[in-house]
Amino acid sequence: MHLLRQAYPFEYRTAGGLDAEAQADLWITVSGSRAVLVLRGCPVGDASAAMNTLHHTWLPYLLRPDTQMLALALHPYRKGAKARALVLPLSA
């Protein structure tokens, strides 16, 4: 896999109706058949709203319709805890 976009800034509307900002990294295979989307700076509770925004604004221009995508929400490093990622459902 190679990095297609790194730290792409975007805005989304949270479930509570507030505007928020986050970043996304997009990794893709050379063939374009598989991709991994990593959300950074986005609370896990708002990840579905952020993915919905990306599905309508950014991802259709970068991925083929038949691409299989795995989405991860990255939990930031906190003192005494490692950074972790949560796999998100793709039905956002």
N, C-alpha and C. Protein backbone atom coordinates (compact mmCIF):
# COMPACT_ATOMS: atom_id res chain seq x y z
N MET A 1 0.84 -1.18 0.00
CA MET A 1 0.00 0.00 0.00
C MET A 1 0.89 1.24 0.00
N HIS A 2 0.37 2.27 -0.60
CA HIS A 2 1.09 3.53 -0.57
C HIS A 2 0.13 4.64 -0.13
N LEU A 3 0.72 5.69 0.40
CA LEU A 3 -0.05 6.81 0.92
C LEU A 3 -0.50 7.70 -0.22
N LEU A 4 -1.81 7.81 -0.41
CA LEU A 4 -2.36 8.63 -1.47
C LEU A 4 -2.56 10.08 -1.01
N ARG A 5 -3.10 10.25 0.19
CA ARG A 5 -3.28 11.58 0.79
C ARG A 5 -2.90 11.50 2.26
N GLN A 6 -2.21 12.53 2.74
CA GLN A 6 -1.80 12.56 4.13
C GLN A 6 -2.29 13.83 4.79
N ALA A 7 -2.88 13.67 5.96
CA ALA A 7 -3.35 14.79 6.79
C ALA A 7 -4.27 15.73 6.01
N TYR A 8 -5.18 15.16 5.24
CA TYR A 8 -6.15 15.96 4.49
C TYR A 8 -7.12 16.60 5.48
N PRO A 9 -7.15 17.94 5.56
CA PRO A 9 -8.06 18.59 6.51
C PRO A 9 -9.47 18.68 5.92
N PHE A 10 -10.47 18.43 6.75
CA PHE A 10 -11.85 18.55 6.30
C PHE A 10 -12.74 18.96 7.47
N GLU A 11 -13.88 19.52 7.14
CA GLU A 11 -14.87 19.90 8.13
C GLU A 11 -16.07 18.97 8.00
N TYR A 12 -16.71 18.72 9.12
CA TYR A 12 -17.91 17.89 9.12
C TYR A 12 -18.85 18.41 10.20
N ARG A 13 -20.09 18.00 10.11
CA ARG A 13 -21.09 18.39 11.10
C ARG A 13 -21.29 17.22 12.06
N THR A 14 -21.11 17.45 13.35
CA THR A 14 -21.26 16.40 14.35
C THR A 14 -22.72 16.02 14.51
N ALA A 15 -22.95 14.93 15.23
CA ALA A 15 -24.32 14.48 15.49
C ALA A 15 -25.08 15.53 16.30
N GLY A 16 -24.36 16.33 17.08
CA GLY A 16 -24.98 17.39 17.86
C GLY A 16 -25.23 18.67 17.08
N GLY A 17 -24.86 18.68 15.80
CA GLY A 17 -25.11 19.84 14.96
C GLY A 17 -24.02 20.89 14.97
N LEU A 18 -22.85 20.58 15.53
CA LEU A 18 -21.74 21.52 15.56
C LEU A 18 -20.77 21.24 14.42
N ASP A 19 -20.12 22.28 13.93
CA ASP A 19 -19.09 22.10 12.91
C ASP A 19 -17.78 21.74 13.60
N ALA A 20 -17.09 20.75 13.05
CA ALA A 20 -15.83 20.30 13.62
C ALA A 20 -14.82 20.06 12.50
N GLU A 21 -13.55 19.98 12.88
CA GLU A 21 -12.48 19.73 11.92
C GLU A 21 -11.74 18.45 12.30
N ALA A 22 -11.26 17.76 11.29
CA ALA A 22 -10.46 16.55 11.48
C ALA A 22 -9.51 16.41 10.30
N GLN A 23 -8.71 15.36 10.33
CA GLN A 23 -7.79 15.07 9.24
C GLN A 23 -7.97 13.61 8.83
N ALA A 24 -7.66 13.33 7.57
CA ALA A 24 -7.79 11.98 7.05
C ALA A 24 -6.54 11.61 6.26
N ASP A 25 -6.11 10.37 6.43
CA ASP A 25 -5.06 9.78 5.62
C ASP A 25 -5.70 8.69 4.77
N LEU A 26 -5.28 8.56 3.54
CA LEU A 26 -5.83 7.53 2.66
C LEU A 26 -4.68 6.71 2.08
N TRP A 27 -4.70 5.42 2.40
CA TRP A 27 -3.73 4.46 1.87
C TRP A 27 -4.45 3.60 0.85
N ILE A 28 -3.76 3.26 -0.24
CA ILE A 28 -4.40 2.48 -1.30
C ILE A 28 -3.39 1.51 -1.91
N THR A 29 -3.89 0.37 -2.36
CA THR A 29 -3.02 -0.59 -3.04
C THR A 29 -2.69 -0.07 -4.43
N VAL A 30 -1.67 -0.60 -5.03
CA VAL A 30 -1.26 -0.18 -6.37
C VAL A 30 -2.38 -0.45 -7.37
N SER A 31 -3.08 -1.56 -7.20
CA SER A 31 -4.16 -1.90 -8.13
C SER A 31 -5.42 -1.06 -7.89
N GLY A 32 -5.52 -0.44 -6.73
CA GLY A 32 -6.70 0.37 -6.42
C GLY A 32 -7.88 -0.44 -5.93
N SER A 33 -7.68 -1.72 -5.66
CA SER A 33 -8.79 -2.58 -5.25
C SER A 33 -9.10 -2.48 -3.76
N ARG A 34 -8.13 -2.06 -2.95
CA ARG A 34 -8.34 -1.93 -1.51
C ARG A 34 -7.77 -0.61 -1.03
N ALA A 35 -8.42 -0.06 0.01
CA ALA A 35 -7.97 1.21 0.58
C ALA A 35 -8.19 1.19 2.09
N VAL A 36 -7.41 1.99 2.79
CA VAL A 36 -7.56 2.18 4.23
C VAL A 36 -7.66 3.67 4.49
N LEU A 37 -8.73 4.07 5.15
CA LEU A 37 -8.96 5.45 5.53
C LEU A 37 -8.71 5.57 7.03
N VAL A 38 -7.86 6.52 7.42
CA VAL A 38 -7.55 6.75 8.83
C VAL A 38 -8.01 8.15 9.19
N LEU A 39 -8.94 8.23 10.15
CA LEU A 39 -9.43 9.51 10.65
C LEU A 39 -8.62 9.90 11.87
N ARG A 40 -8.15 11.15 11.88
CA ARG A 40 -7.38 11.66 13.02
C ARG A 40 -8.03 12.94 13.52
N GLY A 41 -8.03 13.12 14.83
CA GLY A 41 -8.59 14.33 15.41
C GLY A 41 -10.10 14.35 15.41
N CYS A 42 -10.69 13.19 15.32
CA CYS A 42 -12.15 13.06 15.26
C CYS A 42 -12.58 12.15 16.41
N PRO A 43 -13.41 12.63 17.34
CA PRO A 43 -13.90 11.73 18.39
C PRO A 43 -14.62 10.53 17.79
N VAL A 44 -14.47 9.38 18.41
CA VAL A 44 -15.04 8.16 17.86
C VAL A 44 -16.55 8.29 17.70
N GLY A 45 -17.22 9.00 18.60
CA GLY A 45 -18.66 9.19 18.49
C GLY A 45 -19.08 9.98 17.27
N ASP A 46 -18.18 10.80 16.74
CA ASP A 46 -18.47 11.61 15.56
C ASP A 46 -17.90 11.00 14.28
N ALA A 47 -17.28 9.84 14.37
CA ALA A 47 -16.61 9.24 13.22
C ALA A 47 -17.59 8.93 12.08
N SER A 48 -18.79 8.50 12.41
CA SER A 48 -19.77 8.20 11.35
C SER A 48 -20.14 9.46 10.57
N ALA A 49 -20.30 10.57 11.28
CA ALA A 49 -20.63 11.83 10.61
C ALA A 49 -19.46 12.29 9.74
N ALA A 50 -18.24 12.11 10.23
CA ALA A 50 -17.05 12.50 9.45
C ALA A 50 -16.93 11.64 8.20
N MET A 51 -17.15 10.33 8.34
CA MET A 51 -17.08 9.45 7.18
C MET A 51 -18.16 9.78 6.17
N ASN A 52 -19.33 10.11 6.64
CA ASN A 52 -20.43 10.48 5.75
C ASN A 52 -20.04 11.70 4.91
N THR A 53 -19.42 12.67 5.53
CA THR A 53 -18.95 13.86 4.80
C THR A 53 -17.92 13.47 3.74
N LEU A 54 -16.96 12.63 4.11
CA LEU A 54 -15.93 12.22 3.15
C LEU A 54 -16.51 11.39 2.01
N HIS A 55 -17.52 10.57 2.30
CA HIS A 55 -18.16 9.77 1.25
C HIS A 55 -18.86 10.64 0.22
N HIS A 56 -19.29 11.81 0.62
CA HIS A 56 -20.01 12.69 -0.30
C HIS A 56 -19.15 13.77 -0.94
N THR A 57 -17.96 14.03 -0.39
CA THR A 57 -17.17 15.15 -0.89
C THR A 57 -15.82 14.75 -1.46
N TRP A 58 -15.13 13.81 -0.89
CA TRP A 58 -13.72 13.59 -1.18
C TRP A 58 -13.43 12.21 -1.76
N LEU A 59 -13.95 11.18 -1.14
CA LEU A 59 -13.62 9.81 -1.56
C LEU A 59 -14.08 9.44 -2.96
N PRO A 60 -15.23 9.89 -3.45
CA PRO A 60 -15.63 9.50 -4.81
C PRO A 60 -14.64 9.95 -5.89
N TYR A 61 -13.87 10.97 -5.61
CA TYR A 61 -12.90 11.46 -6.59
C TYR A 61 -11.57 10.71 -6.53
N LEU A 62 -11.34 9.96 -5.46
CA LEU A 62 -10.06 9.28 -5.28
C LEU A 62 -10.14 7.77 -5.43
N LEU A 63 -11.32 7.19 -5.20
CA LEU A 63 -11.46 5.74 -5.21
C LEU A 63 -12.42 5.28 -6.30
N ARG A 64 -12.15 4.11 -6.84
CA ARG A 64 -13.07 3.50 -7.79
C ARG A 64 -14.30 2.99 -7.03
N PRO A 65 -15.43 2.86 -7.69
CA PRO A 65 -16.65 2.38 -7.01
C PRO A 65 -16.52 0.97 -6.44
N ASP A 66 -15.66 0.13 -7.02
CA ASP A 66 -15.53 -1.24 -6.55
C ASP A 66 -14.41 -1.43 -5.52
N THR A 67 -13.81 -0.35 -5.05
CA THR A 67 -12.73 -0.44 -4.06
C THR A 67 -13.27 -0.86 -2.71
N GLN A 68 -12.62 -1.84 -2.10
CA GLN A 68 -12.97 -2.26 -0.74
C GLN A 68 -12.20 -1.37 0.23
N MET A 69 -12.92 -0.74 1.17
CA MET A 69 -12.28 0.21 2.06
C MET A 69 -12.44 -0.21 3.51
N LEU A 70 -11.37 -0.07 4.27
CA LEU A 70 -11.36 -0.26 5.71
C LEU A 70 -11.18 1.11 6.33
N ALA A 71 -12.03 1.48 7.27
CA ALA A 71 -11.95 2.79 7.91
C ALA A 71 -11.53 2.62 9.37
N LEU A 72 -10.58 3.45 9.80
CA LEU A 72 -10.09 3.42 11.17
C LEU A 72 -10.18 4.80 11.78
N ALA A 73 -10.60 4.87 13.04
CA ALA A 73 -10.58 6.13 13.79
C ALA A 73 -9.44 6.02 14.79
N LEU A 74 -8.48 6.89 14.70
CA LEU A 74 -7.28 6.82 15.53
C LEU A 74 -7.52 7.55 16.84
N HIS A 75 -7.34 6.83 17.93
CA HIS A 75 -7.39 7.44 19.25
C HIS A 75 -6.02 8.06 19.51
N PRO A 76 -5.94 9.30 19.94
CA PRO A 76 -4.63 9.91 20.16
C PRO A 76 -3.90 9.30 21.35
N TYR A 77 -2.59 9.47 21.33
CA TYR A 77 -1.76 9.01 22.44
C TYR A 77 -2.09 9.82 23.68
N ARG A 78 -2.29 9.12 24.78
CA ARG A 78 -2.49 9.78 26.07
C ARG A 78 -1.43 9.26 27.02
N LYS A 79 -1.09 10.05 28.00
CA LYS A 79 -0.06 9.64 28.95
C LYS A 79 -0.42 8.30 29.57
N GLY A 80 0.48 7.35 29.44
CA GLY A 80 0.28 6.03 30.01
C GLY A 80 -0.52 5.08 29.12
N ALA A 81 -0.94 5.51 27.95
CA ALA A 81 -1.71 4.64 27.05
C ALA A 81 -1.16 4.79 25.63
N LYS A 82 -1.14 3.69 24.91
CA LYS A 82 -0.68 3.71 23.53
C LYS A 82 -1.77 4.26 22.62
N ALA A 83 -1.36 4.76 21.47
CA ALA A 83 -2.33 5.16 20.45
C ALA A 83 -3.03 3.90 19.94
N ARG A 84 -4.31 3.99 19.74
CA ARG A 84 -5.10 2.85 19.28
C ARG A 84 -6.00 3.29 18.15
N ALA A 85 -6.46 2.32 17.36
CA ALA A 85 -7.40 2.62 16.27
C ALA A 85 -8.63 1.76 16.44
N LEU A 86 -9.77 2.29 16.09
CA LEU A 86 -11.03 1.56 16.14
C LEU A 86 -11.51 1.37 14.70
N VAL A 87 -11.84 0.13 14.35
CA VAL A 87 -12.35 -0.15 13.01
C VAL A 87 -13.80 0.31 12.96
N LEU A 88 -14.12 1.11 11.96
CA LEU A 88 -15.47 1.66 11.84
C LEU A 88 -16.29 0.87 10.84
N PRO A 89 -17.59 0.75 11.06
CA PRO A 89 -18.42 0.11 10.04
C PRO A 89 -18.53 1.01 8.83
N LEU A 90 -18.65 0.46 7.66
CA LEU A 90 -18.68 1.24 6.43
C LEU A 90 -20.08 1.69 6.04
N SER A 91 -21.05 1.48 6.90
CA SER A 91 -22.42 1.86 6.59
C SER A 91 -22.74 3.25 7.11
N ALA A 92 -21.75 4.11 7.21
CA ALA A 92 -21.97 5.47 7.77
C ALA A 92 -22.88 6.29 6.88
